[in-house]
Amino acid sequence: MKWLALISYFAMVIINGLASTVGINGKKTGEISNQVDVLFIPAGYVFSIWGLIYFLLFIWLVQQFRSSTTNRINSKLGLFVITAFLNIAWLLSWHYELFITSIVIMVGLLVHIIFLYVSYLKEDNRFSGRLPFSVYLGWISVALMANISFVLKYYEWDGFGLSEEIWAQLLLILATVLAAFIRVYKQDVFFPLVIIWAFIGIAIKNGEDAGSIFYMPFIYSLFLVIWIFIGRPKRL
């Protein structure tokens, strides 16, 4: 299981690297995102967080190799293998413009990351523990919202009569509430930090002319920064 996890990790990293540099199906990952101007999608530089995620996951894998083999470790490695293949599957569905399928796959990816995340104690913020999955979960939570926003606009959904700006604000609020909840009830500061990183990227991508879509992400980010320091953890 350890070697299967390592192989799946490198397959995931290599395919993602090729998709971003050479391209799959004639397009790079970012080029597909730029086909539709979506307010909730952050600036391109924000996606560099994938480098951090892959680095943290690699450290986590190395630590698993150093641990004695147990059923518990094998269970986590099994979940990791599934996340790696779902990551690849999402990328392929995205590049072949199977956008609705990409949402279904990303939901599956999110669920399996949650399984890994909750398999660790709240206090376990080690590199070999919950930390990599705090960052991974934070990013995929935002990415799923962005993915859904892209697909809905791509297929020209009318938003139940509400403007795209209103829906973007609702997603910002949802992400803020989720980050605040994770901070308090899961004693996790890394998840909200990822949300802040994404929010700032959303503001920068839209620019000052976007009005509330520009300054509200900064306000929510400031709230989360304060909440990180004053939010008192509670046990469920």
C-alpha atoms as a PDB file:
ATOM      1  CA  MET A   1       0.000   0.000   0.000  1.00  0.00           C
ATOM      2  CA  LYS A   2       2.850   2.393   0.753  1.00  0.00           C
ATOM      3  CA  TRP A   3       4.388   1.886  -2.681  1.00  0.00           C
ATOM      4  CA  LEU A   4       1.011   2.176  -4.377  1.00  0.00           C
ATOM      5  CA  ALA A   5       0.460   5.472  -2.567  1.00  0.00           C
ATOM      6  CA  LEU A   6       3.863   6.742  -3.680  1.00  0.00           C
ATOM      7  CA  ILE A   7       3.265   5.741  -7.297  1.00  0.00           C
ATOM      8  CA  SER A   8      -0.162   7.381  -7.304  1.00  0.00           C
ATOM      9  CA  TYR A   9       1.378  10.526  -5.815  1.00  0.00           C
ATOM     10  CA  PHE A  10       3.977  10.846  -8.564  1.00  0.00           C
ATOM     11  CA  ALA A  11       1.372  10.063 -11.231  1.00  0.00           C
ATOM     12  CA  MET A  12      -0.793  12.879  -9.855  1.00  0.00           C
ATOM     13  CA  VAL A  13       2.070  15.385  -9.735  1.00  0.00           C
ATOM     14  CA  ILE A  14       3.409  14.509 -13.194  1.00  0.00           C
ATOM     15  CA  ILE A  15       0.021  14.681 -14.909  1.00  0.00           C
ATOM     16  CA  ASN A  16      -0.807  17.966 -13.180  1.00  0.00           C
ATOM     17  CA  GLY A  17       2.572  19.349 -14.198  1.00  0.00           C
ATOM     18  CA  LEU A  18       2.058  18.333 -17.822  1.00  0.00           C
ATOM     19  CA  ALA A  19      -1.446  19.807 -17.829  1.00  0.00           C
ATOM     20  CA  SER A  20      -0.139  23.161 -16.615  1.00  0.00           C
ATOM     21  CA  THR A  21       2.929  23.358 -18.861  1.00  0.00           C
ATOM     22  CA  VAL A  22       2.438  21.296 -22.009  1.00  0.00           C
ATOM     23  CA  GLY A  23      -1.317  20.919 -21.911  1.00  0.00           C
ATOM     24  CA  ILE A  24      -3.830  18.091 -22.315  1.00  0.00           C
ATOM     25  CA  ASN A  25      -6.247  17.912 -25.252  1.00  0.00           C
ATOM     26  CA  GLY A  26      -4.507  20.923 -26.732  1.00  0.00           C
ATOM     27  CA  LYS A  27      -5.039  23.282 -23.789  1.00  0.00           C
ATOM     28  CA  LYS A  28      -3.360  24.161 -20.502  1.00  0.00           C
ATOM     29  CA  THR A  29      -5.398  24.081 -17.300  1.00  0.00           C
ATOM     30  CA  GLY A  30      -5.470  27.843 -16.866  1.00  0.00           C
ATOM     31  CA  GLU A  31      -6.487  28.443 -20.484  1.00  0.00           C
ATOM     32  CA  ILE A  32      -9.713  26.532 -19.923  1.00  0.00           C
ATOM     33  CA  SER A  33     -10.510  28.570 -16.803  1.00  0.00           C
ATOM     34  CA  ASN A  34      -9.987  31.764 -18.802  1.00  0.00           C
ATOM     35  CA  GLN A  35     -12.618  30.743 -21.371  1.00  0.00           C
ATOM     36  CA  VAL A  36     -15.274  32.161 -19.047  1.00  0.00           C
ATOM     37  CA  ASP A  37     -14.854  35.231 -16.857  1.00  0.00           C
ATOM     38  CA  VAL A  38     -16.086  34.085 -13.436  1.00  0.00           C
ATOM     39  CA  LEU A  39     -16.051  36.471 -10.487  1.00  0.00           C
ATOM     40  CA  PHE A  40     -15.328  33.798  -7.868  1.00  0.00           C
ATOM     41  CA  ILE A  41     -12.232  32.415  -9.607  1.00  0.00           C
ATOM     42  CA  PRO A  42      -9.022  33.909  -8.109  1.00  0.00           C
ATOM     43  CA  ALA A  43      -6.013  35.320  -9.948  1.00  0.00           C
ATOM     44  CA  GLY A  44      -3.680  32.856 -11.624  1.00  0.00           C
ATOM     45  CA  TYR A  45      -0.877  33.164  -9.079  1.00  0.00           C
ATOM     46  CA  VAL A  46      -3.184  31.801  -6.348  1.00  0.00           C
ATOM     47  CA  PHE A  47      -3.096  28.355  -7.975  1.00  0.00           C
ATOM     48  CA  SER A  48       0.578  28.105  -7.030  1.00  0.00           C
ATOM     49  CA  ILE A  49      -0.772  26.743  -3.738  1.00  0.00           C
ATOM     50  CA  TRP A  50      -0.795  23.380  -5.503  1.00  0.00           C
ATOM     51  CA  GLY A  51       2.979  23.379  -5.133  1.00  0.00           C
ATOM     52  CA  LEU A  52       2.614  23.726  -1.365  1.00  0.00           C
ATOM     53  CA  ILE A  53      -0.077  21.036  -1.246  1.00  0.00           C
ATOM     54  CA  TYR A  54       2.051  18.545  -3.174  1.00  0.00           C
ATOM     55  CA  PHE A  55       5.069  19.344  -1.006  1.00  0.00           C
ATOM     56  CA  LEU A  56       3.098  18.755   2.197  1.00  0.00           C
ATOM     57  CA  LEU A  57       1.616  15.541   0.832  1.00  0.00           C
ATOM     58  CA  PHE A  58       5.084  14.285  -0.075  1.00  0.00           C
ATOM     59  CA  ILE A  59       6.337  14.935   3.455  1.00  0.00           C
ATOM     60  CA  TRP A  60       3.274  13.133   4.789  1.00  0.00           C
ATOM     61  CA  LEU A  61       3.981  10.138   2.548  1.00  0.00           C
ATOM     62  CA  VAL A  62       7.614   9.984   3.630  1.00  0.00           C
ATOM     63  CA  GLN A  63       6.473   9.909   7.240  1.00  0.00           C
ATOM     64  CA  GLN A  64       4.130   7.020   6.468  1.00  0.00           C
ATOM     65  CA  PHE A  65       7.080   5.066   5.076  1.00  0.00           C
ATOM     66  CA  ARG A  66       8.887   5.598   8.350  1.00  0.00           C
ATOM     67  CA  SER A  67       5.964   4.247  10.356  1.00  0.00           C
ATOM     68  CA  SER A  68       5.468   0.585  11.067  1.00  0.00           C
ATOM     69  CA  THR A  69       2.752  -0.902   8.870  1.00  0.00           C
ATOM     70  CA  THR A  70      -0.628  -1.080  10.605  1.00  0.00           C
ATOM     71  CA  ASN A  71      -4.199  -1.421   9.431  1.00  0.00           C
ATOM     72  CA  ARG A  72      -4.812   2.197  10.432  1.00  0.00           C
ATOM     73  CA  ILE A  73      -1.959   3.493   8.283  1.00  0.00           C
ATOM     74  CA  ASN A  74      -3.002   1.302   5.366  1.00  0.00           C
ATOM     75  CA  SER A  75      -6.528   2.675   5.628  1.00  0.00           C
ATOM     76  CA  LYS A  76      -5.235   6.254   5.354  1.00  0.00           C
ATOM     77  CA  LEU A  77      -2.943   5.325   2.499  1.00  0.00           C
ATOM     78  CA  GLY A  78      -5.884   3.707   0.737  1.00  0.00           C
ATOM     79  CA  LEU A  79      -7.869   6.922   1.057  1.00  0.00           C
ATOM     80  CA  PHE A  80      -4.876   8.864  -0.221  1.00  0.00           C
ATOM     81  CA  VAL A  81      -4.620   6.659  -3.309  1.00  0.00           C
ATOM     82  CA  ILE A  82      -8.297   7.335  -4.041  1.00  0.00           C
ATOM     83  CA  THR A  83      -7.752  11.118  -3.711  1.00  0.00           C
ATOM     84  CA  ALA A  84      -4.800  10.931  -6.097  1.00  0.00           C
ATOM     85  CA  PHE A  85      -6.804   9.142  -8.774  1.00  0.00           C
ATOM     86  CA  LEU A  86      -9.775  11.459  -8.276  1.00  0.00           C
ATOM     87  CA  ASN A  87      -7.398  14.397  -8.671  1.00  0.00           C
ATOM     88  CA  ILE A  88      -6.208  12.967 -11.991  1.00  0.00           C
ATOM     89  CA  ALA A  89      -9.760  12.128 -13.061  1.00  0.00           C
ATOM     90  CA  TRP A  90     -10.884  15.691 -12.359  1.00  0.00           C
ATOM     91  CA  LEU A  91      -8.023  17.070 -14.412  1.00  0.00           C
ATOM     92  CA  LEU A  92      -8.861  14.866 -17.394  1.00  0.00           C
ATOM     93  CA  SER A  93     -12.578  15.695 -17.214  1.00  0.00           C
ATOM     94  CA  TRP A  94     -11.694  19.383 -17.058  1.00  0.00           C
ATOM     95  CA  HIS A  95      -9.375  19.253 -20.070  1.00  0.00           C
ATOM     96  CA  TYR A  96     -11.860  17.269 -22.143  1.00  0.00           C
ATOM     97  CA  GLU A  97     -14.529  19.806 -21.107  1.00  0.00           C
ATOM     98  CA  LEU A  98     -16.727  17.320 -19.281  1.00  0.00           C
ATOM     99  CA  PHE A  99     -17.563  20.084 -16.859  1.00  0.00           C
ATOM    100  CA  ILE A 100     -20.562  18.560 -15.104  1.00  0.00           C
ATOM    101  CA  THR A 101     -18.581  15.366 -14.603  1.00  0.00           C
ATOM    102  CA  SER A 102     -15.760  17.455 -13.172  1.00  0.00           C
ATOM    103  CA  ILE A 103     -18.076  18.709 -10.413  1.00  0.00           C
ATOM    104  CA  VAL A 104     -19.128  15.168  -9.478  1.00  0.00           C
ATOM    105  CA  ILE A 105     -15.482  14.076  -9.351  1.00  0.00           C
ATOM    106  CA  MET A 106     -14.448  17.057  -7.254  1.00  0.00           C
ATOM    107  CA  VAL A 107     -17.242  16.359  -4.764  1.00  0.00           C
ATOM    108  CA  GLY A 108     -15.855  12.829  -4.453  1.00  0.00           C
ATOM    109  CA  LEU A 109     -12.366  14.235  -3.961  1.00  0.00           C
ATOM    110  CA  LEU A 110     -13.619  16.600  -1.264  1.00  0.00           C
ATOM    111  CA  VAL A 111     -15.397  13.775   0.586  1.00  0.00           C
ATOM    112  CA  HIS A 112     -12.288  11.573   0.664  1.00  0.00           C
ATOM    113  CA  ILE A 113     -10.089  14.442   1.835  1.00  0.00           C
ATOM    114  CA  ILE A 114     -12.603  15.016   4.636  1.00  0.00           C
ATOM    115  CA  PHE A 115     -12.259  11.342   5.617  1.00  0.00           C
ATOM    116  CA  LEU A 116      -8.492  11.797   5.880  1.00  0.00           C
ATOM    117  CA  TYR A 117      -8.876  15.108   7.686  1.00  0.00           C
ATOM    118  CA  VAL A 118     -11.186  13.783  10.409  1.00  0.00           C
ATOM    119  CA  SER A 119      -9.088  10.648  10.885  1.00  0.00           C
ATOM    120  CA  TYR A 120      -6.635  12.781  12.899  1.00  0.00           C
ATOM    121  CA  LEU A 121      -7.096  14.352  16.297  1.00  0.00           C
ATOM    122  CA  LYS A 122      -7.782  18.076  16.413  1.00  0.00           C
ATOM    123  CA  GLU A 123      -4.478  18.691  18.153  1.00  0.00           C
ATOM    124  CA  ASP A 124      -2.481  16.778  15.542  1.00  0.00           C
ATOM    125  CA  ASN A 125      -1.124  19.586  13.369  1.00  0.00           C
ATOM    126  CA  ARG A 126       2.084  17.766  12.452  1.00  0.00           C
ATOM    127  CA  PHE A 127       3.404  17.395   8.912  1.00  0.00           C
ATOM    128  CA  SER A 128       2.831  13.678   9.373  1.00  0.00           C
ATOM    129  CA  GLY A 129      -0.657  14.324  10.732  1.00  0.00           C
ATOM    130  CA  ARG A 130      -3.531  16.594   9.798  1.00  0.00           C
ATOM    131  CA  LEU A 131      -1.603  19.631   8.486  1.00  0.00           C
ATOM    132  CA  PRO A 132      -1.330  18.577   4.811  1.00  0.00           C
ATOM    133  CA  PHE A 133      -5.023  17.782   4.695  1.00  0.00           C
ATOM    134  CA  SER A 134      -5.981  21.064   6.375  1.00  0.00           C
ATOM    135  CA  VAL A 135      -4.408  22.927   3.469  1.00  0.00           C
ATOM    136  CA  TYR A 136      -5.709  20.456   0.881  1.00  0.00           C
ATOM    137  CA  LEU A 137      -9.258  20.582   2.272  1.00  0.00           C
ATOM    138  CA  GLY A 138      -9.256  24.371   2.436  1.00  0.00           C
ATOM    139  CA  TRP A 139      -8.206  24.679  -1.168  1.00  0.00           C
ATOM    140  CA  ILE A 140     -10.568  22.046  -2.577  1.00  0.00           C
ATOM    141  CA  SER A 141     -13.455  23.657  -0.679  1.00  0.00           C
ATOM    142  CA  VAL A 142     -12.801  26.921  -2.536  1.00  0.00           C
ATOM    143  CA  ALA A 143     -12.004  25.132  -5.789  1.00  0.00           C
ATOM    144  CA  LEU A 144     -15.344  23.315  -5.732  1.00  0.00           C
ATOM    145  CA  MET A 145     -17.204  26.608  -5.339  1.00  0.00           C
ATOM    146  CA  ALA A 146     -15.189  28.071  -8.207  1.00  0.00           C
ATOM    147  CA  ASN A 147     -15.752  24.981 -10.334  1.00  0.00           C
ATOM    148  CA  ILE A 148     -19.508  25.121  -9.829  1.00  0.00           C
ATOM    149  CA  SER A 149     -19.517  28.872 -10.587  1.00  0.00           C
ATOM    150  CA  PHE A 150     -17.617  28.251 -13.819  1.00  0.00           C
ATOM    151  CA  VAL A 151     -19.915  25.465 -14.981  1.00  0.00           C
ATOM    152  CA  LEU A 152     -23.093  27.391 -14.228  1.00  0.00           C
ATOM    153  CA  LYS A 153     -21.889  30.434 -16.134  1.00  0.00           C
ATOM    154  CA  TYR A 154     -20.551  28.268 -18.967  1.00  0.00           C
ATOM    155  CA  TYR A 155     -24.040  26.820 -19.453  1.00  0.00           C
ATOM    156  CA  GLU A 156     -25.595  30.296 -19.036  1.00  0.00           C
ATOM    157  CA  TRP A 157     -27.620  29.554 -15.912  1.00  0.00           C
ATOM    158  CA  ASP A 158     -29.842  32.514 -15.028  1.00  0.00           C
ATOM    159  CA  GLY A 159     -29.089  32.330 -11.282  1.00  0.00           C
ATOM    160  CA  PHE A 160     -32.793  32.272 -10.340  1.00  0.00           C
ATOM    161  CA  GLY A 161     -32.886  35.896 -11.387  1.00  0.00           C
ATOM    162  CA  LEU A 162     -30.008  36.905  -9.109  1.00  0.00           C
ATOM    163  CA  SER A 163     -26.898  38.531 -10.552  1.00  0.00           C
ATOM    164  CA  GLU A 164     -23.499  36.857 -10.638  1.00  0.00           C
ATOM    165  CA  GLU A 165     -22.278  39.491  -8.152  1.00  0.00           C
ATOM    166  CA  ILE A 166     -24.858  38.402  -5.579  1.00  0.00           C
ATOM    167  CA  TRP A 167     -23.986  34.734  -6.025  1.00  0.00           C
ATOM    168  CA  ALA A 168     -20.284  35.536  -5.680  1.00  0.00           C
ATOM    169  CA  GLN A 169     -21.005  37.402  -2.436  1.00  0.00           C
ATOM    170  CA  LEU A 170     -23.024  34.460  -1.126  1.00  0.00           C
ATOM    171  CA  LEU A 171     -20.122  32.116  -1.881  1.00  0.00           C
ATOM    172  CA  LEU A 172     -17.716  34.469  -0.101  1.00  0.00           C
ATOM    173  CA  ILE A 173     -19.980  34.447   2.946  1.00  0.00           C
ATOM    174  CA  LEU A 174     -20.319  30.658   2.800  1.00  0.00           C
ATOM    175  CA  ALA A 175     -16.549  30.199   2.636  1.00  0.00           C
ATOM    176  CA  THR A 176     -16.061  32.660   5.496  1.00  0.00           C
ATOM    177  CA  VAL A 177     -18.572  30.873   7.731  1.00  0.00           C
ATOM    178  CA  LEU A 178     -17.004  27.522   6.892  1.00  0.00           C
ATOM    179  CA  ALA A 179     -13.515  28.797   7.724  1.00  0.00           C
ATOM    180  CA  ALA A 180     -14.708  30.298  11.014  1.00  0.00           C
ATOM    181  CA  PHE A 181     -16.425  27.031  11.925  1.00  0.00           C
ATOM    182  CA  ILE A 182     -13.323  24.954  11.167  1.00  0.00           C
ATOM    183  CA  ARG A 183     -11.182  27.362  13.187  1.00  0.00           C
ATOM    184  CA  VAL A 184     -13.310  27.017  16.304  1.00  0.00           C
ATOM    185  CA  TYR A 185     -14.595  23.473  16.231  1.00  0.00           C
ATOM    186  CA  LYS A 186     -11.603  21.776  14.641  1.00  0.00           C
ATOM    187  CA  GLN A 187      -8.916  23.970  16.253  1.00  0.00           C
ATOM    188  CA  ASP A 188      -7.445  24.554  12.799  1.00  0.00           C
ATOM    189  CA  VAL A 189      -5.715  27.768  11.736  1.00  0.00           C
ATOM    190  CA  PHE A 190      -4.418  26.466   8.393  1.00  0.00           C
ATOM    191  CA  PHE A 191      -7.826  25.982   6.791  1.00  0.00           C
ATOM    192  CA  PRO A 192      -8.859  29.650   7.234  1.00  0.00           C
ATOM    193  CA  LEU A 193      -5.412  30.788   6.047  1.00  0.00           C
ATOM    194  CA  VAL A 194      -6.054  29.018   2.752  1.00  0.00           C
ATOM    195  CA  ILE A 195      -9.441  30.725   2.469  1.00  0.00           C
ATOM    196  CA  ILE A 196      -7.768  34.100   3.063  1.00  0.00           C
ATOM    197  CA  TRP A 197      -5.212  33.310   0.353  1.00  0.00           C
ATOM    198  CA  ALA A 198      -8.042  32.574  -2.092  1.00  0.00           C
ATOM    199  CA  PHE A 199     -10.068  35.657  -1.088  1.00  0.00           C
ATOM    200  CA  ILE A 200      -7.186  38.033  -1.718  1.00  0.00           C
ATOM    201  CA  GLY A 201      -6.664  36.388  -5.099  1.00  0.00           C
ATOM    202  CA  ILE A 202     -10.334  36.868  -5.978  1.00  0.00           C
ATOM    203  CA  ALA A 203     -10.134  40.558  -5.097  1.00  0.00           C
ATOM    204  CA  ILE A 204      -6.934  41.097  -7.090  1.00  0.00           C
ATOM    205  CA  LYS A 205      -8.269  39.225 -10.110  1.00  0.00           C
ATOM    206  CA  ASN A 206     -11.456  41.317 -10.294  1.00  0.00           C
ATOM    207  CA  GLY A 207      -9.797  44.653  -9.514  1.00  0.00           C
ATOM    208  CA  GLU A 208     -11.112  47.871  -7.995  1.00  0.00           C
ATOM    209  CA  ASP A 209     -13.685  48.355 -10.738  1.00  0.00           C
ATOM    210  CA  ALA A 210     -15.540  45.286  -9.426  1.00  0.00           C
ATOM    211  CA  GLY A 211     -16.726  47.263  -6.397  1.00  0.00           C
ATOM    212  CA  SER A 212     -17.899  45.014  -3.575  1.00  0.00           C
ATOM    213  CA  ILE A 213     -16.329  41.952  -5.211  1.00  0.00           C
ATOM    214  CA  PHE A 214     -13.019  43.753  -4.737  1.00  0.00           C
ATOM    215  CA  TYR A 215     -13.242  45.094  -1.188  1.00  0.00           C
ATOM    216  CA  MET A 216     -15.513  42.531   0.505  1.00  0.00           C
ATOM    217  CA  PRO A 217     -12.968  39.689   0.177  1.00  0.00           C
ATOM    218  CA  PHE A 218     -10.507  41.898   2.065  1.00  0.00           C
ATOM    219  CA  ILE A 219     -13.087  42.568   4.775  1.00  0.00           C
ATOM    220  CA  TYR A 220     -13.859  38.864   5.144  1.00  0.00           C
ATOM    221  CA  SER A 221     -10.129  38.120   5.200  1.00  0.00           C
ATOM    222  CA  LEU A 222      -9.589  40.674   7.968  1.00  0.00           C
ATOM    223  CA  PHE A 223     -12.396  39.068   9.955  1.00  0.00           C
ATOM    224  CA  LEU A 224     -10.790  35.641   9.555  1.00  0.00           C
ATOM    225  CA  VAL A 225      -7.357  36.954  10.577  1.00  0.00           C
ATOM    226  CA  ILE A 226      -8.883  38.352  13.770  1.00  0.00           C
ATOM    227  CA  TRP A 227     -10.893  35.165  14.267  1.00  0.00           C
ATOM    228  CA  ILE A 228      -7.756  33.044  14.015  1.00  0.00           C
ATOM    229  CA  PHE A 229      -6.336  34.799  17.057  1.00  0.00           C
ATOM    230  CA  ILE A 230      -9.454  35.323  19.176  1.00  0.00           C
ATOM    231  CA  GLY A 231     -11.597  32.339  18.212  1.00  0.00           C
ATOM    232  CA  ARG A 232     -11.635  30.025  21.221  1.00  0.00           C
ATOM    233  CA  PRO A 233     -11.557  26.361  20.267  1.00  0.00           C
ATOM    234  CA  LYS A 234     -14.439  24.283  21.554  1.00  0.00           C
ATOM    235  CA  ARG A 235     -14.763  20.561  21.661  1.00  0.00           C
ATOM    236  CA  LEU A 236     -17.655  18.949  19.907  1.00  0.00           C
END
